[in-house]
Amino acid sequence: RVSGRSDDCSRAVVIINPEAKMAWIEYVSEDIAEYDKEGNVFTCD
């Protein structure tokens, strides 16, 4: 499952949803604005 690849969305991140017990790669915009909302936690560690 890899979604969101387009000219505007070329940065690959891993989305981990603990409640659904699923993780996948998604392409987002460089500033990750799609997921910049309360409730999401960002990390590279």
ModelCIF file with pLDDT and N, C-alpha, C, O atoms, coordinates in Angstrom:
data_MODEL
#
_entry.id   MODEL 
#
_entity.id                         1 
_entity.type                       polymer 
_entity.pdbx_number_of_molecules   1 
#
_entity_poly.entity_id                      1 
_entity_poly.type                           'polypeptide(L)' 
_entity_poly.nstd_linkage                   no 
_entity_poly.nstd_monomer                   no 
_entity_poly.pdbx_seq_one_letter_code       RVSGRSDDCSRAVVIINPEAKMAWIEYVSEDIAEYDKEGNVFTCD 
_entity_poly.pdbx_seq_one_letter_code_can   RVSGRSDDCSRAVVIINPEAKMAWIEYVSEDIAEYDKEGNVFTCD 
_entity_poly.pdbx_strand_id                 A 
#
loop_
_entity_poly_seq.entity_id 
_entity_poly_seq.num 
_entity_poly_seq.mon_id 
_entity_poly_seq.hetero 
1 1  ARG n 
1 2  VAL n 
1 3  SER n 
1 4  GLY n 
1 5  ARG n 
1 6  SER n 
1 7  ASP n 
1 8  ASP n 
1 9  CYS n 
1 10 SER n 
1 11 ARG n 
1 12 ALA n 
1 13 VAL n 
1 14 VAL n 
1 15 ILE n 
1 16 ILE n 
1 17 ASN n 
1 18 PRO n 
1 19 GLU n 
1 20 ALA n 
1 21 LYS n 
1 22 MET n 
1 23 ALA n 
1 24 TRP n 
1 25 ILE n 
1 26 GLU n 
1 27 TYR n 
1 28 VAL n 
1 29 SER n 
1 30 GLU n 
1 31 ASP n 
1 32 ILE n 
1 33 ALA n 
1 34 GLU n 
1 35 TYR n 
1 36 ASP n 
1 37 LYS n 
1 38 GLU n 
1 39 GLY n 
1 40 ASN n 
1 41 VAL n 
1 42 PHE n 
1 43 THR n 
1 44 CYS n 
1 45 ASP n 
#
_struct_asym.id          A 
_struct_asym.entity_id   1 
#
loop_
_ma_qa_metric.id 
_ma_qa_metric.mode 
_ma_qa_metric.name 
_ma_qa_metric.software_group_id 
_ma_qa_metric.type 
1 global pLDDT . pLDDT 
2 local  pLDDT . pLDDT 
#
_ma_qa_metric_global.metric_id      1 
_ma_qa_metric_global.metric_value   85.02 
_ma_qa_metric_global.model_id       1 
_ma_qa_metric_global.ordinal_id     1 
#
loop_
_ma_qa_metric_local.label_asym_id 
_ma_qa_metric_local.label_comp_id 
_ma_qa_metric_local.label_seq_id 
_ma_qa_metric_local.metric_id 
_ma_qa_metric_local.metric_value 
_ma_qa_metric_local.model_id 
_ma_qa_metric_local.ordinal_id 
A ARG 1  2 65.00 1 1  
A VAL 2  2 70.00 1 2  
A SER 3  2 70.00 1 3  
A GLY 4  2 68.00 1 4  
A ARG 5  2 73.00 1 5  
A SER 6  2 75.00 1 6  
A ASP 7  2 77.00 1 7  
A ASP 8  2 77.00 1 8  
A CYS 9  2 80.00 1 9  
A SER 10 2 81.00 1 10 
A ARG 11 2 86.00 1 11 
A ALA 12 2 88.00 1 12 
A VAL 13 2 91.00 1 13 
A VAL 14 2 93.00 1 14 
A ILE 15 2 93.00 1 15 
A ILE 16 2 95.00 1 16 
A ASN 17 2 94.00 1 17 
A PRO 18 2 92.00 1 18 
A GLU 19 2 91.00 1 19 
A ALA 20 2 92.00 1 20 
A LYS 21 2 93.00 1 21 
A MET 22 2 94.00 1 22 
A ALA 23 2 95.00 1 23 
A TRP 24 2 93.00 1 24 
A ILE 25 2 91.00 1 25 
A GLU 26 2 88.00 1 26 
A TYR 27 2 88.00 1 27 
A VAL 28 2 87.00 1 28 
A SER 29 2 85.00 1 29 
A GLU 30 2 84.00 1 30 
A ASP 31 2 83.00 1 31 
A ILE 32 2 82.00 1 32 
A ALA 33 2 79.00 1 33 
A GLU 34 2 78.00 1 34 
A TYR 35 2 81.00 1 35 
A ASP 36 2 80.00 1 36 
A LYS 37 2 79.00 1 37 
A GLU 38 2 80.00 1 38 
A GLY 39 2 83.00 1 39 
A ASN 40 2 91.00 1 40 
A VAL 41 2 91.00 1 41 
A PHE 42 2 92.00 1 42 
A THR 43 2 92.00 1 43 
A CYS 44 2 92.00 1 44 
A ASP 45 2 94.00 1 45 
#
loop_
_atom_site.group_PDB 
_atom_site.id 
_atom_site.type_symbol 
_atom_site.label_atom_id 
_atom_site.label_alt_id 
_atom_site.label_comp_id 
_atom_site.label_asym_id 
_atom_site.label_entity_id 
_atom_site.label_seq_id 
_atom_site.pdbx_PDB_ins_code 
_atom_site.Cartn_x 
_atom_site.Cartn_y 
_atom_site.Cartn_z 
_atom_site.occupancy 
_atom_site.B_iso_or_equiv 
_atom_site.pdbx_formal_charge 
_atom_site.auth_seq_id 
_atom_site.auth_comp_id 
_atom_site.auth_asym_id 
_atom_site.auth_atom_id 
_atom_site.pdbx_PDB_model_num 
ATOM 1   N N  . ARG A 1 1  ? 0.853  -1.195 0.000  1.00 65.00 ? 1  ARG A N  1 
ATOM 2   C CA . ARG A 1 1  ? 0.000  0.000  0.000  1.00 65.00 ? 1  ARG A CA 1 
ATOM 3   C C  . ARG A 1 1  ? 0.884  1.238  0.000  1.00 65.00 ? 1  ARG A C  1 
ATOM 4   O O  . ARG A 1 1  ? 1.484  1.593  1.014  1.00 65.00 ? 1  ARG A O  1 
ATOM 5   N N  . VAL A 1 2  ? 0.950  1.875  -1.136 1.00 70.00 ? 2  VAL A N  1 
ATOM 6   C CA . VAL A 1 2  ? 1.676  3.132  -1.296 1.00 70.00 ? 2  VAL A CA 1 
ATOM 7   C C  . VAL A 1 2  ? 0.724  4.071  -1.998 1.00 70.00 ? 2  VAL A C  1 
ATOM 8   O O  . VAL A 1 2  ? 0.252  3.774  -3.096 1.00 70.00 ? 2  VAL A O  1 
ATOM 9   N N  . SER A 1 3  ? 0.435  5.206  -1.376 1.00 70.00 ? 3  SER A N  1 
ATOM 10  C CA . SER A 1 3  ? -0.563 6.091  -1.967 1.00 70.00 ? 3  SER A CA 1 
ATOM 11  C C  . SER A 1 3  ? -0.100 7.540  -1.994 1.00 70.00 ? 3  SER A C  1 
ATOM 12  O O  . SER A 1 3  ? 0.807  7.935  -1.262 1.00 70.00 ? 3  SER A O  1 
ATOM 13  N N  . GLY A 1 4  ? -0.741 8.322  -2.853 1.00 68.00 ? 4  GLY A N  1 
ATOM 14  C CA . GLY A 1 4  ? -0.552 9.756  -2.887 1.00 68.00 ? 4  GLY A CA 1 
ATOM 15  C C  . GLY A 1 4  ? 0.530  10.295 -3.785 1.00 68.00 ? 4  GLY A C  1 
ATOM 16  O O  . GLY A 1 4  ? 0.769  11.503 -3.782 1.00 68.00 ? 4  GLY A O  1 
ATOM 17  N N  . ARG A 1 5  ? 1.204  9.452  -4.562 1.00 73.00 ? 5  ARG A N  1 
ATOM 18  C CA . ARG A 1 5  ? 2.316  9.925  -5.399 1.00 73.00 ? 5  ARG A CA 1 
ATOM 19  C C  . ARG A 1 5  ? 1.799  10.838 -6.502 1.00 73.00 ? 5  ARG A C  1 
ATOM 20  O O  . ARG A 1 5  ? 0.951  10.446 -7.304 1.00 73.00 ? 5  ARG A O  1 
ATOM 21  N N  . SER A 1 6  ? 2.322  12.064 -6.533 1.00 75.00 ? 6  SER A N  1 
ATOM 22  C CA . SER A 1 6  ? 1.984  13.031 -7.584 1.00 75.00 ? 6  SER A CA 1 
ATOM 23  C C  . SER A 1 6  ? 3.119  14.051 -7.652 1.00 75.00 ? 6  SER A C  1 
ATOM 24  O O  . SER A 1 6  ? 4.075  13.983 -6.880 1.00 75.00 ? 6  SER A O  1 
ATOM 25  N N  . ASP A 1 7  ? 3.003  14.996 -8.586 1.00 77.00 ? 7  ASP A N  1 
ATOM 26  C CA . ASP A 1 7  ? 4.024  16.029 -8.694 1.00 77.00 ? 7  ASP A CA 1 
ATOM 27  C C  . ASP A 1 7  ? 4.106  16.874 -7.419 1.00 77.00 ? 7  ASP A C  1 
ATOM 28  O O  . ASP A 1 7  ? 5.190  17.298 -7.020 1.00 77.00 ? 7  ASP A O  1 
ATOM 29  N N  . ASP A 1 8  ? 2.966  17.114 -6.791 1.00 77.00 ? 8  ASP A N  1 
ATOM 30  C CA . ASP A 1 8  ? 2.928  17.918 -5.567 1.00 77.00 ? 8  ASP A CA 1 
ATOM 31  C C  . ASP A 1 8  ? 3.303  17.117 -4.327 1.00 77.00 ? 8  ASP A C  1 
ATOM 32  O O  . ASP A 1 8  ? 3.739  17.684 -3.325 1.00 77.00 ? 8  ASP A O  1 
ATOM 33  N N  . CYS A 1 9  ? 3.138  15.831 -4.391 1.00 80.00 ? 9  CYS A N  1 
ATOM 34  C CA . CYS A 1 9  ? 3.386  14.965 -3.230 1.00 80.00 ? 9  CYS A CA 1 
ATOM 35  C C  . CYS A 1 9  ? 4.474  13.955 -3.570 1.00 80.00 ? 9  CYS A C  1 
ATOM 36  O O  . CYS A 1 9  ? 4.200  12.892 -4.127 1.00 80.00 ? 9  CYS A O  1 
ATOM 37  N N  . SER A 1 10 ? 5.706  14.299 -3.228 1.00 81.00 ? 10 SER A N  1 
ATOM 38  C CA . SER A 1 10 ? 6.821  13.434 -3.596 1.00 81.00 ? 10 SER A CA 1 
ATOM 39  C C  . SER A 1 10 ? 7.655  12.998 -2.395 1.00 81.00 ? 10 SER A C  1 
ATOM 40  O O  . SER A 1 10 ? 8.653  12.296 -2.558 1.00 81.00 ? 10 SER A O  1 
ATOM 41  N N  . ARG A 1 11 ? 7.260  13.404 -1.200 1.00 86.00 ? 11 ARG A N  1 
ATOM 42  C CA . ARG A 1 11 ? 8.003  13.013 0.008  1.00 86.00 ? 11 ARG A CA 1 
ATOM 43  C C  . ARG A 1 11 ? 7.354  11.769 0.625  1.00 86.00 ? 11 ARG A C  1 
ATOM 44  O O  . ARG A 1 11 ? 6.173  11.786 0.972  1.00 86.00 ? 11 ARG A O  1 
ATOM 45  N N  . ALA A 1 12 ? 8.125  10.704 0.756  1.00 88.00 ? 12 ALA A N  1 
ATOM 46  C CA . ALA A 1 12 ? 7.603  9.459  1.316  1.00 88.00 ? 12 ALA A CA 1 
ATOM 47  C C  . ALA A 1 12 ? 7.735  9.484  2.837  1.00 88.00 ? 12 ALA A C  1 
ATOM 48  O O  . ALA A 1 12 ? 8.805  9.781  3.369  1.00 88.00 ? 12 ALA A O  1 
ATOM 49  N N  . VAL A 1 13 ? 6.642  9.169  3.532  1.00 91.00 ? 13 VAL A N  1 
ATOM 50  C CA . VAL A 1 13 ? 6.634  9.015  4.983  1.00 91.00 ? 13 VAL A CA 1 
ATOM 51  C C  . VAL A 1 13 ? 5.908  7.708  5.296  1.00 91.00 ? 13 VAL A C  1 
ATOM 52  O O  . VAL A 1 13 ? 5.207  7.154  4.449  1.00 91.00 ? 13 VAL A O  1 
ATOM 53  N N  . VAL A 1 14 ? 6.086  7.230  6.512  1.00 93.00 ? 14 VAL A N  1 
ATOM 54  C CA . VAL A 1 14 ? 5.381  6.029  6.950  1.00 93.00 ? 14 VAL A CA 1 
ATOM 55  C C  . VAL A 1 14 ? 4.273  6.470  7.896  1.00 93.00 ? 14 VAL A C  1 
ATOM 56  O O  . VAL A 1 14 ? 4.527  7.148  8.892  1.00 93.00 ? 14 VAL A O  1 
ATOM 57  N N  . ILE A 1 15 ? 3.048  6.082  7.577  1.00 93.00 ? 15 ILE A N  1 
ATOM 58  C CA . ILE A 1 15 ? 1.900  6.386  8.417  1.00 93.00 ? 15 ILE A CA 1 
ATOM 59  C C  . ILE A 1 15 ? 1.633  5.153  9.277  1.00 93.00 ? 15 ILE A C  1 
ATOM 60  O O  . ILE A 1 15 ? 1.455  4.052  8.756  1.00 93.00 ? 15 ILE A O  1 
ATOM 61  N N  . ILE A 1 16 ? 1.607  5.344  10.581 1.00 95.00 ? 16 ILE A N  1 
ATOM 62  C CA . ILE A 1 16 ? 1.346  4.243  11.517 1.00 95.00 ? 16 ILE A CA 1 
ATOM 63  C C  . ILE A 1 16 ? 0.070  4.577  12.270 1.00 95.00 ? 16 ILE A C  1 
ATOM 64  O O  . ILE A 1 16 ? 0.004  5.584  12.975 1.00 95.00 ? 16 ILE A O  1 
ATOM 65  N N  . ASN A 1 17 ? -0.931 3.744  12.123 1.00 94.00 ? 17 ASN A N  1 
ATOM 66  C CA . ASN A 1 17 ? -2.196 3.935  12.825 1.00 94.00 ? 17 ASN A CA 1 
ATOM 67  C C  . ASN A 1 17 ? -2.313 2.849  13.889 1.00 94.00 ? 17 ASN A C  1 
ATOM 68  O O  . ASN A 1 17 ? -2.680 1.716  13.577 1.00 94.00 ? 17 ASN A O  1 
ATOM 69  N N  . PRO A 1 18 ? -2.000 3.185  15.159 1.00 92.00 ? 18 PRO A N  1 
ATOM 70  C CA . PRO A 1 18 ? -2.007 2.166  16.210 1.00 92.00 ? 18 PRO A CA 1 
ATOM 71  C C  . PRO A 1 18 ? -3.386 1.566  16.470 1.00 92.00 ? 18 PRO A C  1 
ATOM 72  O O  . PRO A 1 18 ? -3.499 0.384  16.797 1.00 92.00 ? 18 PRO A O  1 
ATOM 73  N N  . GLU A 1 19 ? -4.415 2.365  16.329 1.00 91.00 ? 19 GLU A N  1 
ATOM 74  C CA . GLU A 1 19 ? -5.769 1.867  16.593 1.00 91.00 ? 19 GLU A CA 1 
ATOM 75  C C  . GLU A 1 19 ? -6.170 0.803  15.576 1.00 91.00 ? 19 GLU A C  1 
ATOM 76  O O  . GLU A 1 19 ? -6.743 -0.227 15.933 1.00 91.00 ? 19 GLU A O  1 
ATOM 77  N N  . ALA A 1 20 ? -5.864 1.063  14.306 1.00 92.00 ? 20 ALA A N  1 
ATOM 78  C CA . ALA A 1 20 ? -6.185 0.105  13.245 1.00 92.00 ? 20 ALA A CA 1 
ATOM 79  C C  . ALA A 1 20 ? -5.135 -1.001 13.133 1.00 92.00 ? 20 ALA A C  1 
ATOM 80  O O  . ALA A 1 20 ? -5.334 -1.989 12.426 1.00 92.00 ? 20 ALA A O  1 
ATOM 81  N N  . LYS A 1 21 ? -4.005 -0.823 13.846 1.00 93.00 ? 21 LYS A N  1 
ATOM 82  C CA . LYS A 1 21 ? -2.897 -1.800 13.807 1.00 93.00 ? 21 LYS A CA 1 
ATOM 83  C C  . LYS A 1 21 ? -2.357 -1.967 12.387 1.00 93.00 ? 21 LYS A C  1 
ATOM 84  O O  . LYS A 1 21 ? -2.110 -3.083 11.929 1.00 93.00 ? 21 LYS A O  1 
ATOM 85  N N  . MET A 1 22 ? -2.178 -0.823 11.691 1.00 94.00 ? 22 MET A N  1 
ATOM 86  C CA . MET A 1 22 ? -1.687 -0.838 10.310 1.00 94.00 ? 22 MET A CA 1 
ATOM 87  C C  . MET A 1 22 ? -0.640 0.245  10.102 1.00 94.00 ? 22 MET A C  1 
ATOM 88  O O  . MET A 1 22 ? -0.668 1.287  10.757 1.00 94.00 ? 22 MET A O  1 
ATOM 89  N N  . ALA A 1 23 ? 0.286  -0.012 9.178  1.00 95.00 ? 23 ALA A N  1 
ATOM 90  C CA . ALA A 1 23 ? 1.289  0.964  8.778  1.00 95.00 ? 23 ALA A CA 1 
ATOM 91  C C  . ALA A 1 23 ? 1.495  0.857  7.277  1.00 95.00 ? 23 ALA A C  1 
ATOM 92  O O  . ALA A 1 23 ? 1.458  -0.236 6.712  1.00 95.00 ? 23 ALA A O  1 
ATOM 93  N N  . TRP A 1 24 ? 1.714  2.017  6.625  1.00 93.00 ? 24 TRP A N  1 
ATOM 94  C CA . TRP A 1 24 ? 1.913  2.032  5.181  1.00 93.00 ? 24 TRP A CA 1 
ATOM 95  C C  . TRP A 1 24 ? 2.714  3.263  4.793  1.00 93.00 ? 24 TRP A C  1 
ATOM 96  O O  . TRP A 1 24 ? 2.882  4.190  5.585  1.00 93.00 ? 24 TRP A O  1 
ATOM 97  N N  . ILE A 1 25 ? 3.204  3.257  3.558  1.00 91.00 ? 25 ILE A N  1 
ATOM 98  C CA . ILE A 1 25 ? 3.942  4.399  3.018  1.00 91.00 ? 25 ILE A CA 1 
ATOM 99  C C  . ILE A 1 25 ? 2.958  5.293  2.280  1.00 91.00 ? 25 ILE A C  1 
ATOM 100 O O  . ILE A 1 25 ? 2.103  4.825  1.527  1.00 91.00 ? 25 ILE A O  1 
ATOM 101 N N  . GLU A 1 26 ? 3.101  6.580  2.513  1.00 88.00 ? 26 GLU A N  1 
ATOM 102 C CA . GLU A 1 26 ? 2.264  7.538  1.802  1.00 88.00 ? 26 GLU A CA 1 
ATOM 103 C C  . GLU A 1 26 ? 3.138  8.699  1.346  1.00 88.00 ? 26 GLU A C  1 
ATOM 104 O O  . GLU A 1 26 ? 4.042  9.133  2.059  1.00 88.00 ? 26 GLU A O  1 
ATOM 105 N N  . TYR A 1 27 ? 2.853  9.187  0.156  1.00 88.00 ? 27 TYR A N  1 
ATOM 106 C CA . TYR A 1 27 ? 3.571  10.349 -0.363 1.00 88.00 ? 27 TYR A CA 1 
ATOM 107 C C  . TYR A 1 27 ? 2.797  11.604 0.013  1.00 88.00 ? 27 TYR A C  1 
ATOM 108 O O  . TYR A 1 27 ? 1.586  11.692 -0.192 1.00 88.00 ? 27 TYR A O  1 
ATOM 109 N N  . VAL A 1 28 ? 3.520  12.573 0.568  1.00 87.00 ? 28 VAL A N  1 
ATOM 110 C CA . VAL A 1 28 ? 2.901  13.806 1.044  1.00 87.00 ? 28 VAL A CA 1 
ATOM 111 C C  . VAL A 1 28 ? 3.664  14.998 0.479  1.00 87.00 ? 28 VAL A C  1 
ATOM 112 O O  . VAL A 1 28 ? 4.727  14.844 -0.122 1.00 87.00 ? 28 VAL A O  1 
ATOM 113 N N  . SER A 1 29 ? 3.105  16.188 0.682  1.00 85.00 ? 29 SER A N  1 
ATOM 114 C CA . SER A 1 29 ? 3.802  17.399 0.261  1.00 85.00 ? 29 SER A CA 1 
ATOM 115 C C  . SER A 1 29 ? 5.025  17.609 1.151  1.00 85.00 ? 29 SER A C  1 
ATOM 116 O O  . SER A 1 29 ? 5.120  17.019 2.227  1.00 85.00 ? 29 SER A O  1 
ATOM 117 N N  . GLU A 1 30 ? 5.931  18.422 0.717  1.00 84.00 ? 30 GLU A N  1 
ATOM 118 C CA . GLU A 1 30 ? 7.194  18.627 1.428  1.00 84.00 ? 30 GLU A CA 1 
ATOM 119 C C  . GLU A 1 30 ? 6.986  19.098 2.875  1.00 84.00 ? 30 GLU A C  1 
ATOM 120 O O  . GLU A 1 30 ? 7.765  18.733 3.756  1.00 84.00 ? 30 GLU A O  1 
ATOM 121 N N  . ASP A 1 31 ? 5.958  19.893 3.125  1.00 83.00 ? 31 ASP A N  1 
ATOM 122 C CA . ASP A 1 31 ? 5.709  20.397 4.482  1.00 83.00 ? 31 ASP A CA 1 
ATOM 123 C C  . ASP A 1 31 ? 4.760  19.498 5.288  1.00 83.00 ? 31 ASP A C  1 
ATOM 124 O O  . ASP A 1 31 ? 4.433  19.811 6.433  1.00 83.00 ? 31 ASP A O  1 
ATOM 125 N N  . ILE A 1 32 ? 4.328  18.405 4.705  1.00 82.00 ? 32 ILE A N  1 
ATOM 126 C CA . ILE A 1 32 ? 3.454  17.407 5.346  1.00 82.00 ? 32 ILE A CA 1 
ATOM 127 C C  . ILE A 1 32 ? 2.167  18.051 5.868  1.00 82.00 ? 32 ILE A C  1 
ATOM 128 O O  . ILE A 1 32 ? 1.644  17.645 6.905  1.00 82.00 ? 32 ILE A O  1 
ATOM 129 N N  . ALA A 1 33 ? 1.666  19.041 5.155  1.00 79.00 ? 33 ALA A N  1 
ATOM 130 C CA . ALA A 1 33 ? 0.470  19.764 5.589  1.00 79.00 ? 33 ALA A CA 1 
ATOM 131 C C  . ALA A 1 33 ? -0.753 18.859 5.718  1.00 79.00 ? 33 ALA A C  1 
ATOM 132 O O  . ALA A 1 33 ? -1.651 19.145 6.510  1.00 79.00 ? 33 ALA A O  1 
ATOM 133 N N  . GLU A 1 34 ? -0.796 17.776 4.952  1.00 78.00 ? 34 GLU A N  1 
ATOM 134 C CA . GLU A 1 34 ? -1.938 16.866 4.998  1.00 78.00 ? 34 GLU A CA 1 
ATOM 135 C C  . GLU A 1 34 ? -2.152 16.267 6.394  1.00 78.00 ? 34 GLU A C  1 
ATOM 136 O O  . GLU A 1 34 ? -3.279 15.951 6.776  1.00 78.00 ? 34 GLU A O  1 
ATOM 137 N N  . TYR A 1 35 ? -1.074 16.118 7.135  1.00 81.00 ? 35 TYR A N  1 
ATOM 138 C CA . TYR A 1 35 ? -1.150 15.471 8.450  1.00 81.00 ? 35 TYR A CA 1 
ATOM 139 C C  . TYR A 1 35 ? -0.845 16.420 9.604  1.00 81.00 ? 35 TYR A C  1 
ATOM 140 O O  . TYR A 1 35 ? -0.734 15.988 10.751 1.00 81.00 ? 35 TYR A O  1 
ATOM 141 N N  . ASP A 1 36 ? -0.711 17.703 9.305  1.00 80.00 ? 36 ASP A N  1 
ATOM 142 C CA . ASP A 1 36 ? -0.400 18.688 10.338 1.00 80.00 ? 36 ASP A CA 1 
ATOM 143 C C  . ASP A 1 36 ? -1.664 19.074 11.093 1.00 80.00 ? 36 ASP A C  1 
ATOM 144 O O  . ASP A 1 36 ? -2.223 20.150 10.885 1.00 80.00 ? 36 ASP A O  1 
ATOM 145 N N  . LYS A 1 37 ? -2.103 18.181 11.969 1.00 79.00 ? 37 LYS A N  1 
ATOM 146 C CA . LYS A 1 37 ? -3.284 18.453 12.780 1.00 79.00 ? 37 LYS A CA 1 
ATOM 147 C C  . LYS A 1 37 ? -3.097 17.815 14.147 1.00 79.00 ? 37 LYS A C  1 
ATOM 148 O O  . LYS A 1 37 ? -2.272 16.919 14.323 1.00 79.00 ? 37 LYS A O  1 
ATOM 149 N N  . GLU A 1 38 ? -3.869 18.285 15.099 1.00 80.00 ? 38 GLU A N  1 
ATOM 150 C CA . GLU A 1 38 ? -3.748 17.762 16.446 1.00 80.00 ? 38 GLU A CA 1 
ATOM 151 C C  . GLU A 1 38 ? -4.090 16.272 16.461 1.00 80.00 ? 38 GLU A C  1 
ATOM 152 O O  . GLU A 1 38 ? -5.016 15.827 15.782 1.00 80.00 ? 38 GLU A O  1 
ATOM 153 N N  . GLY A 1 39 ? -3.346 15.531 17.228 1.00 83.00 ? 39 GLY A N  1 
ATOM 154 C CA . GLY A 1 39 ? -3.583 14.098 17.321 1.00 83.00 ? 39 GLY A CA 1 
ATOM 155 C C  . GLY A 1 39 ? -2.543 13.280 16.592 1.00 83.00 ? 39 GLY A C  1 
ATOM 156 O O  . GLY A 1 39 ? -2.379 12.094 16.880 1.00 83.00 ? 39 GLY A O  1 
ATOM 157 N N  . ASN A 1 40 ? -1.835 13.884 15.653 1.00 91.00 ? 40 ASN A N  1 
ATOM 158 C CA . ASN A 1 40 ? -0.765 13.195 14.949 1.00 91.00 ? 40 ASN A CA 1 
ATOM 159 C C  . ASN A 1 40 ? 0.565  13.497 15.620 1.00 91.00 ? 40 ASN A C  1 
ATOM 160 O O  . ASN A 1 40 ? 0.801  14.619 16.067 1.00 91.00 ? 40 ASN A O  1 
ATOM 161 N N  . VAL A 1 41 ? 1.427  12.501 15.688 1.00 91.00 ? 41 VAL A N  1 
ATOM 162 C CA . VAL A 1 41 ? 2.742  12.654 16.291 1.00 91.00 ? 41 VAL A CA 1 
ATOM 163 C C  . VAL A 1 41 ? 3.781  12.440 15.200 1.00 91.00 ? 41 VAL A C  1 
ATOM 164 O O  . VAL A 1 41 ? 3.733  11.437 14.489 1.00 91.00 ? 41 VAL A O  1 
ATOM 165 N N  . PHE A 1 42 ? 4.716  13.368 15.061 1.00 92.00 ? 42 PHE A N  1 
ATOM 166 C CA . PHE A 1 42 ? 5.767  13.286 14.055 1.00 92.00 ? 42 PHE A CA 1 
ATOM 167 C C  . PHE A 1 42 ? 7.072  12.875 14.718 1.00 92.00 ? 42 PHE A C  1 
ATOM 168 O O  . PHE A 1 42 ? 7.428  13.392 15.777 1.00 92.00 ? 42 PHE A O  1 
ATOM 169 N N  . THR A 1 43 ? 7.787  11.940 14.090 1.00 92.00 ? 43 THR A N  1 
ATOM 170 C CA . THR A 1 43 ? 9.094  11.528 14.599 1.00 92.00 ? 43 THR A CA 1 
ATOM 171 C C  . THR A 1 43 ? 9.922  10.912 13.473 1.00 92.00 ? 43 THR A C  1 
ATOM 172 O O  . THR A 1 43 ? 9.384  10.413 12.485 1.00 92.00 ? 43 THR A O  1 
ATOM 173 N N  . CYS A 1 44 ? 11.238 10.961 13.648 1.00 92.00 ? 44 CYS A N  1 
ATOM 174 C CA . CYS A 1 44 ? 12.142 10.256 12.736 1.00 92.00 ? 44 CYS A CA 1 
ATOM 175 C C  . CYS A 1 44 ? 12.988 9.262  13.522 1.00 92.00 ? 44 CYS A C  1 
ATOM 176 O O  . CYS A 1 44 ? 13.976 8.741  13.005 1.00 92.00 ? 44 CYS A O  1 
ATOM 177 N N  . ASP A 1 45 ? 12.603 8.997  14.769 1.00 94.00 ? 45 ASP A N  1 
ATOM 178 C CA . ASP A 1 45 ? 13.365 8.141  15.670 1.00 94.00 ? 45 ASP A CA 1 
ATOM 179 C C  . ASP A 1 45 ? 12.613 6.832  15.926 1.00 94.00 ? 45 ASP A C  1 
ATOM 180 O O  . ASP A 1 45 ? 13.098 5.976  16.666 1.00 94.00 ? 45 ASP A O  1 
#
